[in-house]
Amino acid sequence: MSSVRIIKGDLLIAEPAILGDVTFNRSVIILADTNPTGAIGFILNKPLDFTLKDVLKNTSSDFIIYNGGPVEQDNLYFIHNKPNLIPDSIEISKGMYWGGDFDTTLALINSHSLTKHDIRFFLGYSGWEENQLKDEIDANTWLVTPNIYESKLIESCDSGIWKQKMLELDERYSIWSNAPEHPSYN
């Protein structure tokens, strides 16, 4: 049984052992909420091939949209570091927030008051039912680390964040930092 305490705002780092999982292979996820009935998070390092203007008619923003996870992929979600500008935001952890008033958010984007370093959009989310995430951690599917980036998370997490995290962990993981994403292609 795991002694890892799962806290809202933590990062989940996919263990190299989940190579066959298309969605979660090499994923880094921020946990936006944890409670007794489950957890919700967003994959930070899986950009999609379209931007905000591709899914919303009332903006010309070219902010990249990320794959947030396999649940509700027809819904748009966002995290940000501007609670003073976006009302009704929910604090995730120090300096990071989830959601808020979407009309205000869109107006801020259209007026260029928010940059790509302030906000990140996701289609879908990653979700776990009661005890499911704890069981996955016990099965060595995820490593749990604190969000050391705090309000700089959005600008600090790009597609190379998984490799960076592998290098930061102990020696057992460093070899994975240079392994091909699909070992069968080697």
N, C-alpha and C. Protein backbone atom coordinates (compact mmCIF):
# COMPACT_ATOMS: atom_id res chain seq x y z
N MET A 1 0.84 -1.18 0.00
CA MET A 1 0.00 0.00 0.00
C MET A 1 0.89 1.25 0.00
N SER A 2 0.56 2.20 -0.83
CA SER A 2 1.35 3.41 -1.00
C SER A 2 1.22 4.36 0.18
N SER A 3 2.33 5.00 0.49
CA SER A 3 2.29 6.04 1.52
C SER A 3 2.32 7.42 0.88
N VAL A 4 2.24 7.47 -0.46
CA VAL A 4 2.27 8.74 -1.18
C VAL A 4 0.97 9.48 -0.92
N ARG A 5 1.12 10.72 -0.53
CA ARG A 5 -0.04 11.58 -0.30
C ARG A 5 -0.30 12.37 -1.57
N ILE A 6 -1.48 12.26 -2.11
CA ILE A 6 -1.85 12.94 -3.36
C ILE A 6 -2.51 14.26 -2.99
N ILE A 7 -1.94 15.37 -3.48
CA ILE A 7 -2.42 16.69 -3.12
C ILE A 7 -2.76 17.48 -4.39
N LYS A 8 -3.86 18.18 -4.34
CA LYS A 8 -4.23 19.08 -5.43
C LYS A 8 -3.05 19.99 -5.71
N GLY A 9 -2.69 20.13 -7.00
CA GLY A 9 -1.55 20.96 -7.38
C GLY A 9 -0.30 20.16 -7.67
N ASP A 10 -0.24 18.90 -7.21
CA ASP A 10 0.91 18.05 -7.51
C ASP A 10 0.98 17.73 -8.99
N LEU A 11 2.15 17.28 -9.42
CA LEU A 11 2.33 16.81 -10.79
C LEU A 11 2.42 15.30 -10.78
N LEU A 12 1.78 14.68 -11.75
CA LEU A 12 1.91 13.24 -11.98
C LEU A 12 2.84 13.07 -13.17
N ILE A 13 3.87 12.27 -12.98
CA ILE A 13 4.83 11.98 -14.04
C ILE A 13 4.62 10.53 -14.45
N ALA A 14 4.33 10.29 -15.72
CA ALA A 14 4.09 8.92 -16.18
C ALA A 14 5.37 8.10 -16.04
N GLU A 15 5.24 6.95 -15.43
CA GLU A 15 6.36 6.01 -15.33
C GLU A 15 6.69 5.51 -16.74
N PRO A 16 7.95 5.25 -17.02
CA PRO A 16 8.31 4.71 -18.34
C PRO A 16 7.60 3.40 -18.66
N ALA A 17 7.11 2.70 -17.66
CA ALA A 17 6.47 1.41 -17.86
C ALA A 17 5.15 1.49 -18.61
N ILE A 18 4.55 2.68 -18.79
CA ILE A 18 3.26 2.75 -19.48
C ILE A 18 3.45 3.11 -20.95
N LEU A 19 4.47 2.54 -21.58
CA LEU A 19 4.81 2.82 -22.97
C LEU A 19 3.66 2.59 -23.95
N GLY A 20 2.84 1.58 -23.75
CA GLY A 20 1.81 1.25 -24.72
C GLY A 20 0.58 2.13 -24.66
N ASP A 21 0.47 3.00 -23.69
CA ASP A 21 -0.70 3.84 -23.51
C ASP A 21 -0.54 5.13 -24.32
N VAL A 22 -1.29 5.25 -25.40
CA VAL A 22 -1.14 6.40 -26.30
C VAL A 22 -1.41 7.72 -25.60
N THR A 23 -2.42 7.77 -24.74
CA THR A 23 -2.79 9.02 -24.07
C THR A 23 -1.78 9.42 -23.01
N PHE A 24 -1.36 8.48 -22.18
CA PHE A 24 -0.56 8.84 -21.03
C PHE A 24 0.93 8.58 -21.16
N ASN A 25 1.37 7.93 -22.23
CA ASN A 25 2.80 7.71 -22.42
C ASN A 25 3.54 9.04 -22.38
N ARG A 26 4.52 9.15 -21.49
CA ARG A 26 5.36 10.34 -21.32
C ARG A 26 4.56 11.59 -20.94
N SER A 27 3.48 11.41 -20.22
CA SER A 27 2.65 12.55 -19.81
C SER A 27 3.11 13.14 -18.49
N VAL A 28 2.88 14.44 -18.36
CA VAL A 28 3.01 15.16 -17.10
C VAL A 28 1.67 15.84 -16.89
N ILE A 29 1.06 15.56 -15.73
CA ILE A 29 -0.30 16.02 -15.45
C ILE A 29 -0.30 16.88 -14.19
N ILE A 30 -1.01 18.00 -14.24
CA ILE A 30 -1.25 18.74 -13.00
C ILE A 30 -2.59 18.29 -12.44
N LEU A 31 -2.59 17.99 -11.15
CA LEU A 31 -3.83 17.61 -10.47
C LEU A 31 -4.58 18.88 -10.10
N ALA A 32 -5.71 19.10 -10.73
CA ALA A 32 -6.51 20.30 -10.49
C ALA A 32 -7.42 20.13 -9.28
N ASP A 33 -7.77 18.89 -8.97
CA ASP A 33 -8.62 18.64 -7.81
C ASP A 33 -8.43 17.21 -7.34
N THR A 34 -8.40 17.04 -6.05
CA THR A 34 -8.41 15.71 -5.43
C THR A 34 -9.38 15.78 -4.26
N ASN A 35 -10.18 14.75 -4.13
CA ASN A 35 -11.12 14.67 -3.02
C ASN A 35 -11.44 13.20 -2.78
N PRO A 36 -12.22 12.88 -1.76
CA PRO A 36 -12.49 11.47 -1.46
C PRO A 36 -13.16 10.69 -2.59
N THR A 37 -13.82 11.38 -3.52
CA THR A 37 -14.51 10.66 -4.59
C THR A 37 -13.67 10.52 -5.86
N GLY A 38 -12.48 11.14 -5.91
CA GLY A 38 -11.64 10.99 -7.08
C GLY A 38 -10.70 12.15 -7.31
N ALA A 39 -10.21 12.26 -8.53
CA ALA A 39 -9.25 13.31 -8.89
C ALA A 39 -9.46 13.72 -10.34
N ILE A 40 -9.06 14.97 -10.62
CA ILE A 40 -9.12 15.54 -11.98
C ILE A 40 -7.79 16.20 -12.25
N GLY A 41 -7.29 16.02 -13.48
CA GLY A 41 -6.04 16.67 -13.87
C GLY A 41 -6.02 16.96 -15.36
N PHE A 42 -4.97 17.67 -15.77
CA PHE A 42 -4.81 18.04 -17.17
C PHE A 42 -3.39 17.71 -17.62
N ILE A 43 -3.28 17.04 -18.77
CA ILE A 43 -1.97 16.71 -19.33
C ILE A 43 -1.34 18.01 -19.84
N LEU A 44 -0.15 18.32 -19.37
CA LEU A 44 0.51 19.59 -19.69
C LEU A 44 1.35 19.56 -20.96
N ASN A 45 1.73 18.39 -21.43
CA ASN A 45 2.75 18.33 -22.48
C ASN A 45 2.31 17.60 -23.74
N LYS A 46 1.04 17.65 -24.06
CA LYS A 46 0.54 17.00 -25.27
C LYS A 46 -0.23 18.00 -26.14
N PRO A 47 0.50 18.87 -26.86
CA PRO A 47 -0.18 19.84 -27.71
C PRO A 47 -0.92 19.15 -28.86
N LEU A 48 -2.05 19.70 -29.21
CA LEU A 48 -2.82 19.22 -30.35
C LEU A 48 -2.45 20.04 -31.58
N ASP A 49 -2.96 19.65 -32.71
CA ASP A 49 -2.60 20.34 -33.97
C ASP A 49 -3.53 21.49 -34.31
N PHE A 50 -4.22 22.05 -33.33
CA PHE A 50 -5.06 23.20 -33.61
C PHE A 50 -5.02 24.20 -32.47
N THR A 51 -5.53 25.37 -32.76
CA THR A 51 -5.46 26.49 -31.82
C THR A 51 -6.87 26.91 -31.40
N LEU A 52 -6.91 27.88 -30.51
CA LEU A 52 -8.18 28.37 -30.00
C LEU A 52 -9.10 28.86 -31.11
N LYS A 53 -8.55 29.55 -32.09
CA LYS A 53 -9.39 30.06 -33.18
C LYS A 53 -9.98 28.94 -34.03
N ASP A 54 -9.39 27.75 -33.97
CA ASP A 54 -9.94 26.61 -34.70
C ASP A 54 -11.19 26.04 -34.05
N VAL A 55 -11.36 26.27 -32.75
CA VAL A 55 -12.53 25.70 -32.05
C VAL A 55 -13.53 26.75 -31.59
N LEU A 56 -13.13 28.02 -31.58
CA LEU A 56 -14.04 29.11 -31.18
C LEU A 56 -14.16 30.11 -32.31
N LYS A 57 -15.38 30.43 -32.69
CA LYS A 57 -15.60 31.36 -33.80
C LYS A 57 -15.33 32.81 -33.43
N ASN A 58 -15.46 33.15 -32.14
CA ASN A 58 -15.37 34.56 -31.74
C ASN A 58 -13.99 34.96 -31.21
N THR A 59 -12.93 34.35 -31.78
CA THR A 59 -11.57 34.77 -31.44
C THR A 59 -10.63 34.50 -32.61
N SER A 60 -9.58 35.27 -32.68
CA SER A 60 -8.53 35.02 -33.67
C SER A 60 -7.25 34.55 -32.99
N SER A 61 -7.37 34.13 -31.73
CA SER A 61 -6.22 33.70 -30.93
C SER A 61 -5.61 32.43 -31.48
N ASP A 62 -4.28 32.42 -31.55
CA ASP A 62 -3.58 31.22 -32.00
C ASP A 62 -2.96 30.45 -30.83
N PHE A 63 -3.55 30.60 -29.62
CA PHE A 63 -3.08 29.82 -28.47
C PHE A 63 -3.28 28.34 -28.78
N ILE A 64 -2.26 27.56 -28.56
CA ILE A 64 -2.32 26.12 -28.80
C ILE A 64 -3.25 25.47 -27.78
N ILE A 65 -3.99 24.48 -28.25
CA ILE A 65 -4.86 23.69 -27.37
C ILE A 65 -4.15 22.36 -27.12
N TYR A 66 -4.22 21.91 -25.87
CA TYR A 66 -3.56 20.67 -25.46
C TYR A 66 -4.59 19.57 -25.21
N ASN A 67 -4.15 18.33 -25.34
CA ASN A 67 -4.96 17.19 -24.98
C ASN A 67 -4.93 17.10 -23.46
N GLY A 68 -6.04 17.40 -22.81
CA GLY A 68 -6.09 17.37 -21.35
C GLY A 68 -6.26 15.98 -20.78
N GLY A 69 -6.77 15.08 -21.60
CA GLY A 69 -6.99 13.71 -21.17
C GLY A 69 -8.15 13.10 -21.92
N PRO A 70 -8.44 11.85 -21.64
CA PRO A 70 -9.43 11.12 -22.44
C PRO A 70 -10.90 11.38 -22.07
N VAL A 71 -11.16 12.12 -21.00
CA VAL A 71 -12.54 12.33 -20.54
C VAL A 71 -13.08 13.65 -21.11
N GLU A 72 -14.29 13.61 -21.64
CA GLU A 72 -14.99 14.78 -22.16
C GLU A 72 -14.14 15.61 -23.13
N GLN A 73 -13.63 14.95 -24.15
CA GLN A 73 -12.77 15.64 -25.11
C GLN A 73 -13.52 16.60 -26.02
N ASP A 74 -14.81 16.71 -25.85
CA ASP A 74 -15.56 17.71 -26.60
C ASP A 74 -15.77 18.99 -25.79
N ASN A 75 -15.16 19.06 -24.60
CA ASN A 75 -15.25 20.25 -23.75
C ASN A 75 -13.90 20.92 -23.62
N LEU A 76 -13.92 22.25 -23.55
CA LEU A 76 -12.71 23.05 -23.43
C LEU A 76 -12.53 23.47 -21.97
N TYR A 77 -11.34 23.27 -21.44
CA TYR A 77 -10.98 23.63 -20.07
C TYR A 77 -9.75 24.52 -20.11
N PHE A 78 -9.49 25.23 -19.02
CA PHE A 78 -8.27 26.03 -18.98
C PHE A 78 -7.74 26.19 -17.57
N ILE A 79 -6.42 26.35 -17.50
CA ILE A 79 -5.75 26.72 -16.26
C ILE A 79 -5.05 28.05 -16.53
N HIS A 80 -4.77 28.81 -15.47
CA HIS A 80 -4.16 30.12 -15.67
C HIS A 80 -3.50 30.59 -14.38
N ASN A 81 -2.81 31.73 -14.51
CA ASN A 81 -2.15 32.33 -13.35
C ASN A 81 -2.61 33.77 -13.13
N LYS A 82 -3.84 34.09 -13.55
CA LYS A 82 -4.37 35.45 -13.46
C LYS A 82 -5.72 35.52 -12.74
N PRO A 83 -5.78 35.10 -11.48
CA PRO A 83 -7.07 35.13 -10.78
C PRO A 83 -7.58 36.55 -10.56
N ASN A 84 -6.69 37.51 -10.56
CA ASN A 84 -7.10 38.90 -10.40
C ASN A 84 -7.86 39.42 -11.63
N LEU A 85 -7.66 38.77 -12.78
CA LEU A 85 -8.34 39.17 -14.01
C LEU A 85 -9.53 38.28 -14.35
N ILE A 86 -9.48 37.02 -13.94
CA ILE A 86 -10.51 36.05 -14.30
C ILE A 86 -11.33 35.68 -13.06
N PRO A 87 -12.55 36.24 -12.95
CA PRO A 87 -13.37 35.94 -11.76
C PRO A 87 -13.82 34.48 -11.74
N ASP A 88 -14.14 34.01 -10.56
CA ASP A 88 -14.67 32.67 -10.32
C ASP A 88 -13.67 31.55 -10.58
N SER A 89 -12.38 31.87 -10.53
CA SER A 89 -11.33 30.86 -10.69
C SER A 89 -11.22 30.01 -9.44
N ILE A 90 -10.79 28.78 -9.61
CA ILE A 90 -10.59 27.86 -8.49
C ILE A 90 -9.09 27.65 -8.33
N GLU A 91 -8.59 27.91 -7.12
CA GLU A 91 -7.16 27.75 -6.89
C GLU A 91 -6.78 26.27 -6.90
N ILE A 92 -5.74 25.96 -7.66
CA ILE A 92 -5.18 24.61 -7.70
C ILE A 92 -4.06 24.53 -6.67
N SER A 93 -3.12 25.44 -6.78
CA SER A 93 -1.99 25.53 -5.86
C SER A 93 -1.41 26.92 -5.97
N LYS A 94 -0.34 27.18 -5.28
CA LYS A 94 0.24 28.52 -5.26
C LYS A 94 0.42 29.08 -6.67
N GLY A 95 -0.39 30.08 -6.99
CA GLY A 95 -0.26 30.78 -8.26
C GLY A 95 -0.93 30.13 -9.46
N MET A 96 -1.53 28.96 -9.32
CA MET A 96 -2.19 28.28 -10.44
C MET A 96 -3.68 28.14 -10.15
N TYR A 97 -4.48 28.40 -11.19
CA TYR A 97 -5.93 28.39 -11.06
C TYR A 97 -6.56 27.63 -12.22
N TRP A 98 -7.77 27.16 -11.96
CA TRP A 98 -8.51 26.38 -12.93
C TRP A 98 -9.82 27.10 -13.22
N GLY A 99 -10.11 27.28 -14.51
CA GLY A 99 -11.39 27.83 -14.93
C GLY A 99 -11.63 29.26 -14.51
N GLY A 100 -12.88 29.63 -14.52
CA GLY A 100 -13.31 30.99 -14.22
C GLY A 100 -14.32 31.43 -15.27
N ASP A 101 -14.70 32.68 -15.20
CA ASP A 101 -15.69 33.22 -16.12
C ASP A 101 -15.15 33.21 -17.55
N PHE A 102 -15.78 32.39 -18.41
CA PHE A 102 -15.24 32.21 -19.76
C PHE A 102 -15.42 33.45 -20.63
N ASP A 103 -16.53 34.16 -20.51
CA ASP A 103 -16.74 35.36 -21.33
C ASP A 103 -15.67 36.41 -21.02
N THR A 104 -15.37 36.60 -19.75
CA THR A 104 -14.31 37.53 -19.36
C THR A 104 -12.96 37.06 -19.90
N THR A 105 -12.71 35.76 -19.79
CA THR A 105 -11.44 35.19 -20.27
C THR A 105 -11.28 35.43 -21.77
N LEU A 106 -12.33 35.17 -22.53
CA LEU A 106 -12.26 35.36 -23.98
C LEU A 106 -12.05 36.84 -24.33
N ALA A 107 -12.71 37.74 -23.61
CA ALA A 107 -12.51 39.18 -23.83
C ALA A 107 -11.07 39.58 -23.54
N LEU A 108 -10.48 39.01 -22.48
CA LEU A 108 -9.08 39.30 -22.14
C LEU A 108 -8.13 38.78 -23.22
N ILE A 109 -8.44 37.63 -23.77
CA ILE A 109 -7.61 37.07 -24.84
C ILE A 109 -7.72 37.94 -26.09
N ASN A 110 -8.93 38.31 -26.45
CA ASN A 110 -9.14 39.12 -27.65
C ASN A 110 -8.55 40.52 -27.53
N SER A 111 -8.41 41.03 -26.30
CA SER A 111 -7.79 42.35 -26.10
C SER A 111 -6.28 42.23 -25.85
N HIS A 112 -5.76 41.01 -25.96
CA HIS A 112 -4.32 40.72 -25.76
C HIS A 112 -3.85 41.02 -24.34
N SER A 113 -4.78 40.91 -23.38
CA SER A 113 -4.43 41.11 -21.97
C SER A 113 -3.90 39.83 -21.32
N LEU A 114 -4.07 38.70 -22.01
CA LEU A 114 -3.51 37.43 -21.56
C LEU A 114 -2.55 36.91 -22.63
N THR A 115 -1.45 36.34 -22.19
CA THR A 115 -0.48 35.76 -23.13
C THR A 115 -0.48 34.24 -22.99
N LYS A 116 0.24 33.58 -23.87
CA LYS A 116 0.35 32.12 -23.79
C LYS A 116 1.06 31.66 -22.53
N HIS A 117 1.73 32.57 -21.82
CA HIS A 117 2.38 32.24 -20.55
C HIS A 117 1.41 32.38 -19.36
N ASP A 118 0.23 32.93 -19.62
CA ASP A 118 -0.76 33.15 -18.56
C ASP A 118 -1.85 32.08 -18.51
N ILE A 119 -2.10 31.42 -19.64
CA ILE A 119 -3.26 30.54 -19.74
C ILE A 119 -2.96 29.39 -20.68
N ARG A 120 -3.53 28.23 -20.37
CA ARG A 120 -3.39 27.07 -21.25
C ARG A 120 -4.75 26.39 -21.36
N PHE A 121 -5.12 26.06 -22.61
CA PHE A 121 -6.41 25.43 -22.90
C PHE A 121 -6.24 23.95 -23.18
N PHE A 122 -7.27 23.19 -22.80
CA PHE A 122 -7.26 21.74 -22.96
C PHE A 122 -8.59 21.26 -23.51
N LEU A 123 -8.54 20.28 -24.39
CA LEU A 123 -9.73 19.53 -24.74
C LEU A 123 -9.71 18.29 -23.87
N GLY A 124 -10.74 18.13 -23.07
CA GLY A 124 -10.84 16.99 -22.19
C GLY A 124 -10.00 17.13 -20.93
N TYR A 125 -10.14 16.14 -20.06
CA TYR A 125 -9.38 16.09 -18.81
C TYR A 125 -9.07 14.65 -18.48
N SER A 126 -8.21 14.47 -17.51
CA SER A 126 -7.87 13.14 -16.99
C SER A 126 -8.61 12.99 -15.67
N GLY A 127 -9.32 11.90 -15.51
CA GLY A 127 -10.11 11.72 -14.30
C GLY A 127 -9.95 10.34 -13.70
N TRP A 128 -10.05 10.29 -12.41
CA TRP A 128 -9.93 9.04 -11.66
C TRP A 128 -11.06 8.96 -10.65
N GLU A 129 -11.65 7.79 -10.52
CA GLU A 129 -12.68 7.56 -9.51
C GLU A 129 -12.02 7.33 -8.16
N GLU A 130 -12.84 7.21 -7.15
CA GLU A 130 -12.35 6.98 -5.79
C GLU A 130 -11.33 5.85 -5.75
N ASN A 131 -10.17 6.12 -5.19
CA ASN A 131 -9.06 5.18 -5.01
C ASN A 131 -8.36 4.76 -6.31
N GLN A 132 -8.88 5.10 -7.47
CA GLN A 132 -8.27 4.67 -8.73
C GLN A 132 -6.86 5.23 -8.90
N LEU A 133 -6.67 6.52 -8.63
CA LEU A 133 -5.35 7.11 -8.78
C LEU A 133 -4.38 6.51 -7.77
N LYS A 134 -4.82 6.33 -6.55
CA LYS A 134 -3.97 5.72 -5.53
C LYS A 134 -3.55 4.32 -5.97
N ASP A 135 -4.48 3.56 -6.54
CA ASP A 135 -4.16 2.21 -7.03
C ASP A 135 -3.16 2.27 -8.18
N GLU A 136 -3.30 3.24 -9.08
CA GLU A 136 -2.36 3.38 -10.19
C GLU A 136 -0.97 3.76 -9.69
N ILE A 137 -0.91 4.61 -8.67
CA ILE A 137 0.39 4.97 -8.08
C ILE A 137 1.01 3.74 -7.42
N ASP A 138 0.21 2.96 -6.71
CA ASP A 138 0.69 1.73 -6.09
C ASP A 138 1.20 0.73 -7.14
N ALA A 139 0.62 0.77 -8.34
CA ALA A 139 1.02 -0.13 -9.43
C ALA A 139 2.19 0.45 -10.23
N ASN A 140 2.79 1.52 -9.73
CA ASN A 140 3.94 2.16 -10.40
C ASN A 140 3.62 2.70 -11.79
N THR A 141 2.44 3.27 -11.93
CA THR A 141 2.05 3.92 -13.18
C THR A 141 2.45 5.39 -13.17
N TRP A 142 2.41 6.00 -11.99
CA TRP A 142 2.69 7.43 -11.83
C TRP A 142 3.69 7.69 -10.72
N LEU A 143 4.51 8.71 -10.93
CA LEU A 143 5.34 9.29 -9.88
C LEU A 143 4.67 10.61 -9.50
N VAL A 144 4.67 10.94 -8.24
CA VAL A 144 4.04 12.17 -7.77
C VAL A 144 5.13 13.11 -7.30
N THR A 145 5.11 14.35 -7.84
CA THR A 145 6.08 15.37 -7.42
C THR A 145 5.34 16.67 -7.16
N PRO A 146 5.89 17.52 -6.30
CA PRO A 146 5.25 18.82 -6.09
C PRO A 146 5.42 19.71 -7.32
N ASN A 147 4.53 20.67 -7.46
CA ASN A 147 4.63 21.65 -8.54
C ASN A 147 5.62 22.72 -8.11
N ILE A 148 6.88 22.54 -8.47
CA ILE A 148 7.92 23.50 -8.09
C ILE A 148 7.85 24.77 -8.91
N TYR A 149 7.10 24.75 -10.00
CA TYR A 149 7.02 25.89 -10.91
C TYR A 149 6.04 26.96 -10.42
N GLU A 150 5.07 26.53 -9.61
CA GLU A 150 4.01 27.40 -9.09
C GLU A 150 3.37 28.21 -10.21
N SER A 151 3.35 29.53 -10.14
CA SER A 151 2.66 30.34 -11.15
C SER A 151 3.35 30.34 -12.51
N LYS A 152 4.56 29.84 -12.59
CA LYS A 152 5.32 29.77 -13.86
C LYS A 152 5.11 28.43 -14.56
N LEU A 153 4.20 27.61 -14.06
CA LEU A 153 3.97 26.28 -14.61
C LEU A 153 3.68 26.31 -16.11
N ILE A 154 2.81 27.19 -16.55
CA ILE A 154 2.40 27.22 -17.95
C ILE A 154 3.57 27.49 -18.87
N GLU A 155 4.40 28.46 -18.53
CA GLU A 155 5.54 28.76 -19.39
C GLU A 155 6.68 27.78 -19.23
N SER A 156 6.71 27.02 -18.13
CA SER A 156 7.80 26.08 -17.87
C SER A 156 7.55 24.69 -18.44
N CYS A 157 6.30 24.35 -18.70
CA CYS A 157 5.97 23.00 -19.15
C CYS A 157 5.68 22.96 -20.64
N ASP A 158 6.64 22.44 -21.37
CA ASP A 158 6.44 22.24 -22.80
C ASP A 158 6.51 20.75 -23.09
N SER A 159 6.61 20.37 -24.35
CA SER A 159 6.60 18.95 -24.69
C SER A 159 7.83 18.21 -24.15
N GLY A 160 8.89 18.91 -23.75
CA GLY A 160 10.09 18.26 -23.21
C GLY A 160 10.09 18.08 -21.71
N ILE A 161 8.99 18.41 -21.03
CA ILE A 161 8.97 18.37 -19.56
C ILE A 161 9.10 16.94 -19.02
N TRP A 162 8.58 15.94 -19.71
CA TRP A 162 8.70 14.56 -19.22
C TRP A 162 10.17 14.16 -19.19
N LYS A 163 10.88 14.43 -20.26
CA LYS A 163 12.32 14.11 -20.31
C LYS A 163 13.06 14.83 -19.19
N GLN A 164 12.75 16.10 -18.98
CA GLN A 164 13.38 16.88 -17.91
C GLN A 164 13.13 16.24 -16.55
N LYS A 165 11.90 15.81 -16.32
CA LYS A 165 11.56 15.18 -15.04
C LYS A 165 12.31 13.86 -14.87
N MET A 166 12.50 13.10 -15.94
CA MET A 166 13.26 11.85 -15.85
C MET A 166 14.70 12.12 -15.42
N LEU A 167 15.27 13.21 -15.92
CA LEU A 167 16.64 13.57 -15.54
C LEU A 167 16.73 14.04 -14.09
N GLU A 168 15.67 14.67 -13.59
CA GLU A 168 15.66 15.18 -12.22
C GLU A 168 15.49 14.06 -11.19
N LEU A 169 14.91 12.94 -11.60
CA LEU A 169 14.68 11.84 -10.67
C LEU A 169 15.98 11.06 -10.47
N ASP A 170 15.92 10.02 -9.67
CA ASP A 170 17.15 9.28 -9.39
C ASP A 170 17.67 8.54 -10.63
N GLU A 171 18.83 7.93 -10.49
CA GLU A 171 19.54 7.31 -11.61
C GLU A 171 18.72 6.30 -12.39
N ARG A 172 17.78 5.62 -11.76
CA ARG A 172 16.99 4.60 -12.46
C ARG A 172 16.22 5.19 -13.64
N TYR A 173 15.91 6.48 -13.56
CA TYR A 173 15.09 7.10 -14.59
C TYR A 173 15.88 7.83 -15.66
N SER A 174 17.12 8.18 -15.40
CA SER A 174 17.88 9.00 -16.35
C SER A 174 18.05 8.33 -17.70
N ILE A 175 18.17 7.02 -17.74
CA ILE A 175 18.31 6.32 -19.02
C ILE A 175 17.09 6.55 -19.91
N TRP A 176 15.92 6.71 -19.30
CA TRP A 176 14.68 6.90 -20.06
C TRP A 176 14.62 8.27 -20.74
N SER A 177 15.40 9.21 -20.27
CA SER A 177 15.33 10.57 -20.83
C SER A 177 15.76 10.60 -22.30
N ASN A 178 16.60 9.68 -22.71
CA ASN A 178 17.06 9.65 -24.11
C ASN A 178 16.53 8.48 -24.89
N ALA A 179 15.68 7.68 -24.29
CA ALA A 179 15.10 6.56 -25.00
C ALA A 179 14.09 7.07 -26.02
N PRO A 180 13.97 6.38 -27.15
CA PRO A 180 12.97 6.81 -28.15
C PRO A 180 11.55 6.65 -27.58
N GLU A 181 10.67 7.50 -28.02
CA GLU A 181 9.29 7.43 -27.53
C GLU A 181 8.66 6.10 -27.88
N HIS A 182 8.98 5.57 -29.04
CA HIS A 182 8.48 4.27 -29.47
C HIS A 182 9.69 3.36 -29.65
N PRO A 183 10.06 2.58 -28.63
CA PRO A 183 11.25 1.73 -28.71
C PRO A 183 11.26 0.80 -29.91
N SER A 184 10.09 0.40 -30.40
CA SER A 184 10.05 -0.51 -31.54
C SER A 184 10.57 0.17 -32.82
N TYR A 185 10.64 1.51 -32.83
CA TYR A 185 11.17 2.23 -33.98
C TYR A 185 12.69 2.26 -33.99
N ASN A 186 13.30 1.84 -32.89
CA ASN A 186 14.75 1.90 -32.74
C ASN A 186 15.47 0.93 -33.65
